[in-house]
Amino acid sequence: MKPAAASASFSGPFALGVLSASDRASFPGLVIPEGRVLDLRTALGEPALTTRGILERWDEMLPRLRELAADETADWRPLEHLRVHAPVEPRQVFQSGANYRQHVIDLEVAHRSPDDPRTVEEARAEIAAIMDRRAAEDLPYVFIGLPSATTGPFDDVVLPDWAGQPDWELELTAVIARPAYRVTVEEALRYVAGYTIANDLTDRATVFRRDMPAIGTDWLRCKNAPGFTPLGPWIVPAESIADPGDLRVTLKLNGETMQDESTKDMLFGIARLVSYISRTSRLLPGDLVLTGSPAGNGMHWGRLLRDGDVMEGSITGLGTQRTRCVAEGTAS
């Protein structure tokens, strides 16, 4: 199937992307809402420039990008004939789990033991109280993803033959600009260059180890198959997003809305996540911080991903990604 066409629908005067024409090499592009793209390697006279290279010099590059976006005489080309790739190749991917209040409640209820004596209503009320205490007093839950799992925002998603319950998880994603280590919550957002969209696919059947339950979760197996993290289409600068804590996260499956929630439902906002991660790890330019997924996953609906399904994910101001699921062995 031919990849879906990209749209330049996003907030602000410009965004960053990675694009290519037919069989040519990909390039970092400056995208403007009029549906035009500027090859930044040519415009900046740096043939080896990458998105990560731009992020590594974000303070220097941002004013230049603003100037280029307003330059009508630059060598713009139409977006419609270009292929859109993941907007950055991260060195590190940090994934936040159990970070949307309603989502956690839904999952806890769905996974409760068959002999749980509580009614559904009692279980929901008890879990809701725990989530409220956790948001006020506890720490985020963050684990590591593999950069090799990322793929383009319009690429096919291959469902491995071992994945018994593949599920969707659309997520707001922060893209790091400056090295961050032991930063406070108050200063954390200064280290964020911008935001993009990630669909953090999860095979629910392999989340928990059945051979050794005491080990707990197996994030390597359930989340890191090649292509399990469609990313993009764009990195929208943080200055163009008025409030990342008030964006709409919407995923449609074959045209039917499955997730539709505000980032207001996050237990831990972006600043708290970035600060928490930086207490242990050194965040680097181009790294991704996935902020968790809202309610409305396949486990909630009793409908997991199948061959031929089409997912369309959008977040306010960040654009839309569209990916088709194909069974392993049938991908074109």
C-alpha atoms as a PDB file:
ATOM      1  CA  MET A   1       0.000   0.000   0.000  1.00  0.00           C
ATOM      2  CA  LYS A   2       1.236   3.479  -0.841  1.00  0.00           C
ATOM      3  CA  PRO A   3       2.037   5.495   2.308  1.00  0.00           C
ATOM      4  CA  ALA A   4      -0.627   8.021   3.288  1.00  0.00           C
ATOM      5  CA  ALA A   5      -0.059  11.606   2.232  1.00  0.00           C
ATOM      6  CA  ALA A   6       1.138  13.976   4.938  1.00  0.00           C
ATOM      7  CA  SER A   7      -0.626  17.163   5.930  1.00  0.00           C
ATOM      8  CA  ALA A   8       1.065  20.331   7.168  1.00  0.00           C
ATOM      9  CA  SER A   9      -1.595  20.830   9.824  1.00  0.00           C
ATOM     10  CA  PHE A  10       0.104  21.881  13.057  1.00  0.00           C
ATOM     11  CA  SER A  11       0.382  24.827  15.438  1.00  0.00           C
ATOM     12  CA  GLY A  12       2.799  27.653  14.831  1.00  0.00           C
ATOM     13  CA  PRO A  13       4.715  28.962  11.824  1.00  0.00           C
ATOM     14  CA  PHE A  14       6.873  25.863  11.246  1.00  0.00           C
ATOM     15  CA  ALA A  15       7.775  22.343  12.299  1.00  0.00           C
ATOM     16  CA  LEU A  16      10.656  19.932  11.721  1.00  0.00           C
ATOM     17  CA  GLY A  17      10.420  16.700   9.782  1.00  0.00           C
ATOM     18  CA  VAL A  18      12.511  14.154   7.923  1.00  0.00           C
ATOM     19  CA  LEU A  19      11.531  13.634   4.307  1.00  0.00           C
ATOM     20  CA  SER A  20      12.687  12.050   1.076  1.00  0.00           C
ATOM     21  CA  ALA A  21      11.804  12.114  -2.601  1.00  0.00           C
ATOM     22  CA  SER A  22      11.348   8.720  -4.337  1.00  0.00           C
ATOM     23  CA  ASP A  23      14.575   6.743  -3.877  1.00  0.00           C
ATOM     24  CA  ARG A  24      16.721   9.651  -2.753  1.00  0.00           C
ATOM     25  CA  ALA A  25      18.307  10.058   0.665  1.00  0.00           C
ATOM     26  CA  SER A  26      16.201  11.570   3.413  1.00  0.00           C
ATOM     27  CA  PHE A  27      16.831  15.096   4.642  1.00  0.00           C
ATOM     28  CA  PRO A  28      15.812  17.234   7.648  1.00  0.00           C
ATOM     29  CA  GLY A  29      13.101  19.580   6.481  1.00  0.00           C
ATOM     30  CA  LEU A  30      11.520  22.799   7.661  1.00  0.00           C
ATOM     31  CA  VAL A  31       7.774  22.431   7.090  1.00  0.00           C
ATOM     32  CA  ILE A  32       5.348  25.359   6.972  1.00  0.00           C
ATOM     33  CA  PRO A  33       1.538  25.253   7.200  1.00  0.00           C
ATOM     34  CA  GLU A  34       1.148  26.167   3.533  1.00  0.00           C
ATOM     35  CA  GLY A  35       2.281  22.626   2.717  1.00  0.00           C
ATOM     36  CA  ARG A  36       5.821  23.486   1.661  1.00  0.00           C
ATOM     37  CA  VAL A  37       9.178  22.090   2.743  1.00  0.00           C
ATOM     38  CA  LEU A  38      12.699  23.475   2.820  1.00  0.00           C
ATOM     39  CA  ASP A  39      15.716  21.159   2.736  1.00  0.00           C
ATOM     40  CA  LEU A  40      17.709  22.386   5.723  1.00  0.00           C
ATOM     41  CA  ARG A  41      20.926  20.755   4.555  1.00  0.00           C
ATOM     42  CA  THR A  42      20.915  23.011   1.511  1.00  0.00           C
ATOM     43  CA  ALA A  43      19.440  26.070   3.213  1.00  0.00           C
ATOM     44  CA  LEU A  44      22.015  25.996   6.018  1.00  0.00           C
ATOM     45  CA  GLY A  45      24.912  24.798   3.874  1.00  0.00           C
ATOM     46  CA  GLU A  46      25.492  21.675   5.987  1.00  0.00           C
ATOM     47  CA  PRO A  47      25.297  18.536   3.791  1.00  0.00           C
ATOM     48  CA  ALA A  48      25.521  16.140   6.747  1.00  0.00           C
ATOM     49  CA  LEU A  49      22.949  17.896   8.942  1.00  0.00           C
ATOM     50  CA  THR A  50      20.394  15.735  10.816  1.00  0.00           C
ATOM     51  CA  THR A  51      17.466  16.555  13.055  1.00  0.00           C
ATOM     52  CA  ARG A  52      19.517  15.450  16.027  1.00  0.00           C
ATOM     53  CA  GLY A  53      22.278  17.823  14.922  1.00  0.00           C
ATOM     54  CA  ILE A  54      19.739  20.646  14.872  1.00  0.00           C
ATOM     55  CA  LEU A  55      18.562  19.737  18.376  1.00  0.00           C
ATOM     56  CA  GLU A  56      22.138  19.601  19.652  1.00  0.00           C
ATOM     57  CA  ARG A  57      22.456  23.287  18.688  1.00  0.00           C
ATOM     58  CA  TRP A  58      18.870  24.248  19.481  1.00  0.00           C
ATOM     59  CA  ASP A  59      19.608  27.661  21.054  1.00  0.00           C
ATOM     60  CA  GLU A  60      21.595  28.632  17.969  1.00  0.00           C
ATOM     61  CA  MET A  61      19.281  27.000  15.431  1.00  0.00           C
ATOM     62  CA  LEU A  62      15.860  28.145  16.640  1.00  0.00           C
ATOM     63  CA  PRO A  63      16.253  31.822  15.620  1.00  0.00           C
ATOM     64  CA  ARG A  64      17.608  30.730  12.234  1.00  0.00           C
ATOM     65  CA  LEU A  65      14.640  28.409  11.696  1.00  0.00           C
ATOM     66  CA  ARG A  66      12.264  31.274  12.458  1.00  0.00           C
ATOM     67  CA  GLU A  67      13.997  33.402   9.822  1.00  0.00           C
ATOM     68  CA  LEU A  68      13.922  30.659   7.201  1.00  0.00           C
ATOM     69  CA  ALA A  69      10.231  29.951   7.806  1.00  0.00           C
ATOM     70  CA  ALA A  70       9.447  33.573   6.893  1.00  0.00           C
ATOM     71  CA  ASP A  71      11.719  33.642   3.818  1.00  0.00           C
ATOM     72  CA  GLU A  72       9.509  33.550   0.711  1.00  0.00           C
ATOM     73  CA  THR A  73      12.571  33.501  -1.561  1.00  0.00           C
ATOM     74  CA  ALA A  74      13.926  30.207  -0.164  1.00  0.00           C
ATOM     75  CA  ASP A  75      13.907  27.030  -2.249  1.00  0.00           C
ATOM     76  CA  TRP A  76      10.568  25.649  -1.067  1.00  0.00           C
ATOM     77  CA  ARG A  77       9.092  22.493  -2.529  1.00  0.00           C
ATOM     78  CA  PRO A  78       5.613  20.967  -2.169  1.00  0.00           C
ATOM     79  CA  LEU A  79       5.108  18.490   0.650  1.00  0.00           C
ATOM     80  CA  GLU A  80       2.596  16.339  -1.192  1.00  0.00           C
ATOM     81  CA  HIS A  81       5.137  14.391  -3.263  1.00  0.00           C
ATOM     82  CA  LEU A  82       7.553  13.619  -0.426  1.00  0.00           C
ATOM     83  CA  ARG A  83       7.721  10.626   1.885  1.00  0.00           C
ATOM     84  CA  VAL A  84       7.651  11.443   5.597  1.00  0.00           C
ATOM     85  CA  HIS A  85       9.921   9.511   7.970  1.00  0.00           C
ATOM     86  CA  ALA A  86      10.213   9.548  11.756  1.00  0.00           C
ATOM     87  CA  PRO A  87      11.275  13.131  12.584  1.00  0.00           C
ATOM     88  CA  VAL A  88      14.322  12.146  14.662  1.00  0.00           C
ATOM     89  CA  GLU A  89      16.534   9.150  15.389  1.00  0.00           C
ATOM     90  CA  PRO A  90      16.714   9.122  19.197  1.00  0.00           C
ATOM     91  CA  ARG A  91      19.562   7.702  21.205  1.00  0.00           C
ATOM     92  CA  GLN A  92      17.278   6.999  24.153  1.00  0.00           C
ATOM     93  CA  VAL A  93      13.544   6.416  24.469  1.00  0.00           C
ATOM     94  CA  PHE A  94      11.923   6.844  27.868  1.00  0.00           C
ATOM     95  CA  GLN A  95       8.377   5.524  28.198  1.00  0.00           C
ATOM     96  CA  SER A  96       5.980   6.464  30.947  1.00  0.00           C
ATOM     97  CA  GLY A  97       3.536   3.812  32.062  1.00  0.00           C
ATOM     98  CA  ALA A  98       0.333   4.090  34.081  1.00  0.00           C
ATOM     99  CA  ASN A  99       0.276   7.863  33.652  1.00  0.00           C
ATOM    100  CA  TYR A 100      -3.340   8.540  32.692  1.00  0.00           C
ATOM    101  CA  ARG A 101      -5.773   8.267  35.554  1.00  0.00           C
ATOM    102  CA  GLN A 102      -8.713   6.820  33.623  1.00  0.00           C
ATOM    103  CA  HIS A 103      -6.500   4.479  31.583  1.00  0.00           C
ATOM    104  CA  VAL A 104      -4.936   2.965  34.694  1.00  0.00           C
ATOM    105  CA  ILE A 105      -8.335   2.437  36.258  1.00  0.00           C
ATOM    106  CA  ASP A 106      -9.586   0.696  33.103  1.00  0.00           C
ATOM    107  CA  LEU A 107      -6.523  -1.563  32.851  1.00  0.00           C
ATOM    108  CA  GLU A 108      -6.559  -2.477  36.538  1.00  0.00           C
ATOM    109  CA  VAL A 109     -10.199  -3.469  36.306  1.00  0.00           C
ATOM    110  CA  ALA A 110      -9.602  -5.451  33.110  1.00  0.00           C
ATOM    111  CA  HIS A 111      -6.642  -7.348  34.612  1.00  0.00           C
ATOM    112  CA  ARG A 112      -8.078  -8.031  38.078  1.00  0.00           C
ATOM    113  CA  SER A 113      -8.076 -11.598  39.316  1.00  0.00           C
ATOM    114  CA  PRO A 114     -11.130 -13.759  38.515  1.00  0.00           C
ATOM    115  CA  ASP A 115     -11.594 -14.365  42.242  1.00  0.00           C
ATOM    116  CA  ASP A 116     -11.467 -10.647  43.145  1.00  0.00           C
ATOM    117  CA  PRO A 117     -14.437 -10.222  45.511  1.00  0.00           C
ATOM    118  CA  ARG A 118     -15.001  -6.552  44.603  1.00  0.00           C
ATOM    119  CA  THR A 119     -17.668  -5.435  42.173  1.00  0.00           C
ATOM    120  CA  VAL A 120     -16.506  -3.470  39.136  1.00  0.00           C
ATOM    121  CA  GLU A 121     -17.756  -0.261  40.761  1.00  0.00           C
ATOM    122  CA  GLU A 122     -15.916  -1.009  44.008  1.00  0.00           C
ATOM    123  CA  ALA A 123     -12.715  -1.834  42.173  1.00  0.00           C
ATOM    124  CA  ARG A 124     -12.888   1.360  40.116  1.00  0.00           C
ATOM    125  CA  ALA A 125     -13.474   3.509  43.193  1.00  0.00           C
ATOM    126  CA  GLU A 126     -10.590   1.927  45.096  1.00  0.00           C
ATOM    127  CA  ILE A 127      -8.158   2.218  42.177  1.00  0.00           C
ATOM    128  CA  ALA A 128      -9.214   5.839  41.562  1.00  0.00           C
ATOM    129  CA  ALA A 129      -8.350   6.721  45.157  1.00  0.00           C
ATOM    130  CA  ILE A 130      -4.951   5.061  44.781  1.00  0.00           C
ATOM    131  CA  MET A 131      -4.265   7.041  41.586  1.00  0.00           C
ATOM    132  CA  ASP A 132      -5.124  10.328  43.268  1.00  0.00           C
ATOM    133  CA  ARG A 133      -2.753   9.577  46.144  1.00  0.00           C
ATOM    134  CA  ARG A 134      -0.067   8.509  43.678  1.00  0.00           C
ATOM    135  CA  ALA A 135      -0.321  11.763  41.699  1.00  0.00           C
ATOM    136  CA  ALA A 136       0.042  13.795  44.870  1.00  0.00           C
ATOM    137  CA  GLU A 137       2.676  11.819  46.740  1.00  0.00           C
ATOM    138  CA  ASP A 138       4.428   9.259  44.542  1.00  0.00           C
ATOM    139  CA  LEU A 139       6.845   9.021  41.625  1.00  0.00           C
ATOM    140  CA  PRO A 140       6.289   8.431  37.889  1.00  0.00           C
ATOM    141  CA  TYR A 141       6.729   4.955  36.436  1.00  0.00           C
ATOM    142  CA  VAL A 142       9.258   5.082  33.584  1.00  0.00           C
ATOM    143  CA  PHE A 143      10.971   2.338  31.597  1.00  0.00           C
ATOM    144  CA  ILE A 144      13.249   2.137  28.567  1.00  0.00           C
ATOM    145  CA  GLY A 145      12.277   1.588  24.935  1.00  0.00           C
ATOM    146  CA  LEU A 146      14.463   0.778  21.949  1.00  0.00           C
ATOM    147  CA  PRO A 147      15.172   3.367  19.235  1.00  0.00           C
ATOM    148  CA  SER A 148      14.978   0.513  16.691  1.00  0.00           C
ATOM    149  CA  ALA A 149      11.243   0.197  17.401  1.00  0.00           C
ATOM    150  CA  THR A 150      10.538   3.629  15.901  1.00  0.00           C
ATOM    151  CA  THR A 151       9.176   3.910  12.373  1.00  0.00           C
ATOM    152  CA  GLY A 152       7.630   6.559  10.168  1.00  0.00           C
ATOM    153  CA  PRO A 153       4.184   8.074  10.814  1.00  0.00           C
ATOM    154  CA  PHE A 154       2.705   6.593   7.617  1.00  0.00           C
ATOM    155  CA  ASP A 155       4.608   3.304   7.442  1.00  0.00           C
ATOM    156  CA  ASP A 156       2.962  -0.097   7.772  1.00  0.00           C
ATOM    157  CA  VAL A 157       3.113  -1.664  11.224  1.00  0.00           C
ATOM    158  CA  VAL A 158       4.049  -5.348  11.062  1.00  0.00           C
ATOM    159  CA  LEU A 159       2.285  -7.473  13.661  1.00  0.00           C
ATOM    160  CA  PRO A 160       4.669 -10.300  14.683  1.00  0.00           C
ATOM    161  CA  ASP A 161       3.251 -13.817  14.581  1.00  0.00           C
ATOM    162  CA  TRP A 162       4.020 -14.216  18.297  1.00  0.00           C
ATOM    163  CA  ALA A 163       2.024 -11.131  19.323  1.00  0.00           C
ATOM    164  CA  GLY A 164      -1.270 -12.500  20.602  1.00  0.00           C
ATOM    165  CA  GLN A 165      -2.884  -9.215  21.709  1.00  0.00           C
ATOM    166  CA  PRO A 166      -1.352  -6.223  19.888  1.00  0.00           C
ATOM    167  CA  ASP A 167      -2.807  -2.959  21.168  1.00  0.00           C
ATOM    168  CA  TRP A 168      -2.520   0.758  20.431  1.00  0.00           C
ATOM    169  CA  GLU A 169      -1.329   3.507  22.806  1.00  0.00           C
ATOM    170  CA  LEU A 170      -1.276   7.013  21.341  1.00  0.00           C
ATOM    171  CA  GLU A 171       0.992   9.339  23.315  1.00  0.00           C
ATOM    172  CA  LEU A 172       2.173  12.919  23.502  1.00  0.00           C
ATOM    173  CA  THR A 173       5.956  12.823  23.224  1.00  0.00           C
ATOM    174  CA  ALA A 174       8.476  15.423  24.356  1.00  0.00           C
ATOM    175  CA  VAL A 175      11.687  15.798  22.323  1.00  0.00           C
ATOM    176  CA  ILE A 176      14.758  16.831  24.295  1.00  0.00           C
ATOM    177  CA  ALA A 177      16.956  19.720  23.133  1.00  0.00           C
ATOM    178  CA  ARG A 178      19.661  20.123  25.753  1.00  0.00           C
ATOM    179  CA  PRO A 179      21.536  17.582  27.907  1.00  0.00           C
ATOM    180  CA  ALA A 180      19.607  17.308  31.160  1.00  0.00           C
ATOM    181  CA  TYR A 181      20.872  15.776  34.362  1.00  0.00           C
ATOM    182  CA  ARG A 182      19.341  16.299  37.794  1.00  0.00           C
ATOM    183  CA  VAL A 183      17.150  19.184  36.706  1.00  0.00           C
ATOM    184  CA  THR A 184      14.323  20.461  38.865  1.00  0.00           C
ATOM    185  CA  VAL A 185      10.657  20.344  37.927  1.00  0.00           C
ATOM    186  CA  GLU A 186      10.678  24.137  37.660  1.00  0.00           C
ATOM    187  CA  GLU A 187      13.456  24.176  35.049  1.00  0.00           C
ATOM    188  CA  ALA A 188      12.637  20.922  33.228  1.00  0.00           C
ATOM    189  CA  LEU A 189      10.632  22.393  30.333  1.00  0.00           C
ATOM    190  CA  ARG A 190      13.632  24.507  29.308  1.00  0.00           C
ATOM    191  CA  TYR A 191      15.203  21.263  28.090  1.00  0.00           C
ATOM    192  CA  VAL A 192      12.305  20.377  25.782  1.00  0.00           C
ATOM    193  CA  ALA A 193      12.702  21.436  22.142  1.00  0.00           C
ATOM    194  CA  GLY A 194       9.227  20.452  21.061  1.00  0.00           C
ATOM    195  CA  TYR A 195       6.561  17.794  20.844  1.00  0.00           C
ATOM    196  CA  THR A 196       5.565  14.997  18.515  1.00  0.00           C
ATOM    197  CA  ILE A 197       3.220  11.994  18.398  1.00  0.00           C
ATOM    198  CA  ALA A 198       4.084   8.382  19.206  1.00  0.00           C
ATOM    199  CA  ASN A 199       1.904   5.281  19.042  1.00  0.00           C
ATOM    200  CA  ASP A 200       3.504   3.018  21.618  1.00  0.00           C
ATOM    201  CA  LEU A 201       2.160  -0.363  20.504  1.00  0.00           C
ATOM    202  CA  THR A 202       2.013  -3.072  23.148  1.00  0.00           C
ATOM    203  CA  ASP A 203       1.381  -6.801  22.936  1.00  0.00           C
ATOM    204  CA  ARG A 204      -0.796  -7.318  25.995  1.00  0.00           C
ATOM    205  CA  ALA A 205      -0.251 -11.086  25.893  1.00  0.00           C
ATOM    206  CA  THR A 206       3.445 -10.698  26.744  1.00  0.00           C
ATOM    207  CA  VAL A 207       3.353  -7.782  29.216  1.00  0.00           C
ATOM    208  CA  PHE A 208       3.634 -10.164  32.175  1.00  0.00           C
ATOM    209  CA  ARG A 209       6.045 -13.092  32.456  1.00  0.00           C
ATOM    210  CA  ARG A 210       4.085 -16.308  32.786  1.00  0.00           C
ATOM    211  CA  ASP A 211       7.114 -18.491  33.497  1.00  0.00           C
ATOM    212  CA  MET A 212       8.237 -16.374  36.473  1.00  0.00           C
ATOM    213  CA  PRO A 213       5.445 -14.068  37.673  1.00  0.00           C
ATOM    214  CA  ALA A 214       7.647 -12.647  40.400  1.00  0.00           C
ATOM    215  CA  ILE A 215       9.784 -10.960  37.724  1.00  0.00           C
ATOM    216  CA  GLY A 216       6.803  -8.863  36.700  1.00  0.00           C
ATOM    217  CA  THR A 217       6.602  -7.027  33.378  1.00  0.00           C
ATOM    218  CA  ASP A 218       8.545  -7.831  30.212  1.00  0.00           C
ATOM    219  CA  TRP A 219       8.727  -4.474  28.393  1.00  0.00           C
ATOM    220  CA  LEU A 220      11.408  -5.691  25.961  1.00  0.00           C
ATOM    221  CA  ARG A 221       9.173  -8.306  24.398  1.00  0.00           C
ATOM    222  CA  CYS A 222       5.795  -6.601  24.532  1.00  0.00           C
ATOM    223  CA  LYS A 223       6.816  -3.162  23.222  1.00  0.00           C
ATOM    224  CA  ASN A 224       9.965  -3.286  21.132  1.00  0.00           C
ATOM    225  CA  ALA A 225       9.274  -5.205  17.934  1.00  0.00           C
ATOM    226  CA  PRO A 226      10.525  -3.330  14.840  1.00  0.00           C
ATOM    227  CA  GLY A 227       8.037  -0.633  13.931  1.00  0.00           C
ATOM    228  CA  PHE A 228       6.088  -0.824  17.187  1.00  0.00           C
ATOM    229  CA  THR A 229       6.555   2.930  17.749  1.00  0.00           C
ATOM    230  CA  PRO A 230       5.251   4.977  14.803  1.00  0.00           C
ATOM    231  CA  LEU A 231       6.641   8.471  15.366  1.00  0.00           C
ATOM    232  CA  GLY A 232       5.708  11.873  13.998  1.00  0.00           C
ATOM    233  CA  PRO A 233       4.934  13.298  11.548  1.00  0.00           C
ATOM    234  CA  TRP A 234       6.499  16.486  12.913  1.00  0.00           C
ATOM    235  CA  ILE A 235       8.398  17.999  15.794  1.00  0.00           C
ATOM    236  CA  VAL A 236       6.491  21.157  16.657  1.00  0.00           C
ATOM    237  CA  PRO A 237       8.591  23.629  18.680  1.00  0.00           C
ATOM    238  CA  ALA A 238       7.555  23.992  22.305  1.00  0.00           C
ATOM    239  CA  GLU A 239       7.061  27.725  21.791  1.00  0.00           C
ATOM    240  CA  SER A 240       4.166  26.917  19.438  1.00  0.00           C
ATOM    241  CA  ILE A 241       2.284  24.761  21.968  1.00  0.00           C
ATOM    242  CA  ALA A 242       0.618  27.001  24.525  1.00  0.00           C
ATOM    243  CA  ASP A 243      -0.081  24.261  27.077  1.00  0.00           C
ATOM    244  CA  PRO A 244       1.072  20.653  26.550  1.00  0.00           C
ATOM    245  CA  GLY A 245      -1.013  19.784  29.590  1.00  0.00           C
ATOM    246  CA  ASP A 246      -4.204  20.620  27.711  1.00  0.00           C
ATOM    247  CA  LEU A 247      -4.091  18.816  24.352  1.00  0.00           C
ATOM    248  CA  ARG A 248      -6.567  16.355  22.843  1.00  0.00           C
ATOM    249  CA  VAL A 249      -5.228  12.852  22.135  1.00  0.00           C
ATOM    250  CA  THR A 250      -7.390  11.032  19.589  1.00  0.00           C
ATOM    251  CA  LEU A 251      -6.959   7.636  17.950  1.00  0.00           C
ATOM    252  CA  LYS A 252      -9.327   6.207  15.358  1.00  0.00           C
ATOM    253  CA  LEU A 253      -9.356   2.558  14.334  1.00  0.00           C
ATOM    254  CA  ASN A 254     -10.778   2.052  10.847  1.00  0.00           C
ATOM    255  CA  GLY A 255     -12.489   5.421  11.222  1.00  0.00           C
ATOM    256  CA  GLU A 256     -14.029   4.709  14.638  1.00  0.00           C
ATOM    257  CA  THR A 257     -12.840   6.819  17.580  1.00  0.00           C
ATOM    258  CA  MET A 258     -11.276   4.640  20.269  1.00  0.00           C
ATOM    259  CA  GLN A 259      -9.190   7.127  22.285  1.00  0.00           C
ATOM    260  CA  ASP A 260     -10.287  10.719  22.818  1.00  0.00           C
ATOM    261  CA  GLU A 261      -8.914  12.270  25.988  1.00  0.00           C
ATOM    262  CA  SER A 262      -7.144  15.411  27.166  1.00  0.00           C
ATOM    263  CA  THR A 263      -3.582  15.409  28.464  1.00  0.00           C
ATOM    264  CA  LYS A 264      -5.157  17.012  31.552  1.00  0.00           C
ATOM    265  CA  ASP A 265      -5.797  13.416  32.673  1.00  0.00           C
ATOM    266  CA  MET A 266      -2.052  12.772  33.094  1.00  0.00           C
ATOM    267  CA  LEU A 267      -1.030  11.955  36.635  1.00  0.00           C
ATOM    268  CA  PHE A 268       2.480  13.339  36.080  1.00  0.00           C
ATOM    269  CA  GLY A 269       2.995  16.208  33.649  1.00  0.00           C
ATOM    270  CA  ILE A 270       5.925  16.622  31.289  1.00  0.00           C
ATOM    271  CA  ALA A 271       7.998  18.714  33.686  1.00  0.00           C
ATOM    272  CA  ARG A 272       7.698  16.098  36.430  1.00  0.00           C
ATOM    273  CA  LEU A 273       8.560  13.288  33.999  1.00  0.00           C
ATOM    274  CA  VAL A 274      11.640  15.039  32.588  1.00  0.00           C
ATOM    275  CA  SER A 275      12.868  15.975  36.038  1.00  0.00           C
ATOM    276  CA  TYR A 276      12.297  12.461  37.393  1.00  0.00           C
ATOM    277  CA  ILE A 277      14.124  10.785  34.495  1.00  0.00           C
ATOM    278  CA  SER A 278      17.032  13.215  34.833  1.00  0.00           C
ATOM    279  CA  ARG A 279      17.570  12.223  38.449  1.00  0.00           C
ATOM    280  CA  THR A 280      18.882   8.864  37.237  1.00  0.00           C
ATOM    281  CA  SER A 281      19.763   9.262  33.558  1.00  0.00           C
ATOM    282  CA  ARG A 282      21.337  11.975  31.466  1.00  0.00           C
ATOM    283  CA  LEU A 283      18.846  13.040  28.828  1.00  0.00           C
ATOM    284  CA  LEU A 284      20.450  13.870  25.478  1.00  0.00           C
ATOM    285  CA  PRO A 285      19.375  15.982  22.490  1.00  0.00           C
ATOM    286  CA  GLY A 286      16.901  14.064  20.359  1.00  0.00           C
ATOM    287  CA  ASP A 287      15.820  11.736  23.158  1.00  0.00           C
ATOM    288  CA  LEU A 288      12.129  10.979  23.463  1.00  0.00           C
ATOM    289  CA  VAL A 289       9.980  11.120  26.573  1.00  0.00           C
ATOM    290  CA  LEU A 290       6.697   9.328  25.923  1.00  0.00           C
ATOM    291  CA  THR A 291       4.131  10.536  28.421  1.00  0.00           C
ATOM    292  CA  GLY A 292       1.748   7.586  28.584  1.00  0.00           C
ATOM    293  CA  SER A 293      -1.517   6.769  26.874  1.00  0.00           C
ATOM    294  CA  PRO A 294      -5.081   7.750  27.785  1.00  0.00           C
ATOM    295  CA  ALA A 295      -8.100   5.528  28.201  1.00  0.00           C
ATOM    296  CA  GLY A 296      -9.563   3.709  25.214  1.00  0.00           C
ATOM    297  CA  ASN A 297      -7.038   1.008  24.395  1.00  0.00           C
ATOM    298  CA  GLY A 298      -7.984  -2.259  22.748  1.00  0.00           C
ATOM    299  CA  MET A 299      -8.148  -4.112  26.056  1.00  0.00           C
ATOM    300  CA  HIS A 300     -10.838  -1.699  27.163  1.00  0.00           C
ATOM    301  CA  TRP A 301     -12.897  -2.267  24.032  1.00  0.00           C
ATOM    302  CA  GLY A 302     -12.218  -5.997  23.775  1.00  0.00           C
ATOM    303  CA  ARG A 303     -10.852  -5.395  20.268  1.00  0.00           C
ATOM    304  CA  LEU A 304      -7.147  -5.866  19.533  1.00  0.00           C
ATOM    305  CA  LEU A 305      -5.265  -5.051  16.339  1.00  0.00           C
ATOM    306  CA  ARG A 306      -5.624  -7.281  13.288  1.00  0.00           C
ATOM    307  CA  ASP A 307      -4.212  -7.559   9.784  1.00  0.00           C
ATOM    308  CA  GLY A 308      -5.606  -4.722   7.655  1.00  0.00           C
ATOM    309  CA  ASP A 309      -6.521  -2.378  10.511  1.00  0.00           C
ATOM    310  CA  VAL A 310      -5.768   1.298   9.941  1.00  0.00           C
ATOM    311  CA  MET A 311      -4.906   3.545  12.882  1.00  0.00           C
ATOM    312  CA  GLU A 312      -5.159   7.316  12.641  1.00  0.00           C
ATOM    313  CA  GLY A 313      -3.688   9.224  15.556  1.00  0.00           C
ATOM    314  CA  SER A 314      -3.783  12.959  16.137  1.00  0.00           C
ATOM    315  CA  ILE A 315      -2.885  15.348  18.934  1.00  0.00           C
ATOM    316  CA  THR A 316      -3.916  18.997  19.050  1.00  0.00           C
ATOM    317  CA  GLY A 317      -1.396  21.128  17.190  1.00  0.00           C
ATOM    318  CA  LEU A 318       0.914  18.247  16.262  1.00  0.00           C
ATOM    319  CA  GLY A 319      -0.702  16.816  13.130  1.00  0.00           C
ATOM    320  CA  THR A 320      -1.870  13.320  12.302  1.00  0.00           C
ATOM    321  CA  GLN A 321      -0.207   9.967  11.656  1.00  0.00           C
ATOM    322  CA  ARG A 322      -1.843   7.111   9.773  1.00  0.00           C
ATOM    323  CA  THR A 323      -0.548   3.543   9.824  1.00  0.00           C
ATOM    324  CA  ARG A 324      -1.845   0.234   8.492  1.00  0.00           C
ATOM    325  CA  CYS A 325      -1.353  -3.048  10.339  1.00  0.00           C
ATOM    326  CA  VAL A 326      -0.102  -6.010   8.339  1.00  0.00           C
ATOM    327  CA  ALA A 327       0.444  -9.556   9.555  1.00  0.00           C
ATOM    328  CA  GLU A 328       4.049 -10.747   9.564  1.00  0.00           C
ATOM    329  CA  GLY A 329       4.887 -12.316   6.219  1.00  0.00           C
ATOM    330  CA  THR A 330       2.330 -10.282   4.257  1.00  0.00           C
ATOM    331  CA  ALA A 331       3.967  -6.819   4.368  1.00  0.00           C
ATOM    332  CA  SER A 332       4.570  -5.292   0.952  1.00  0.00           C
END
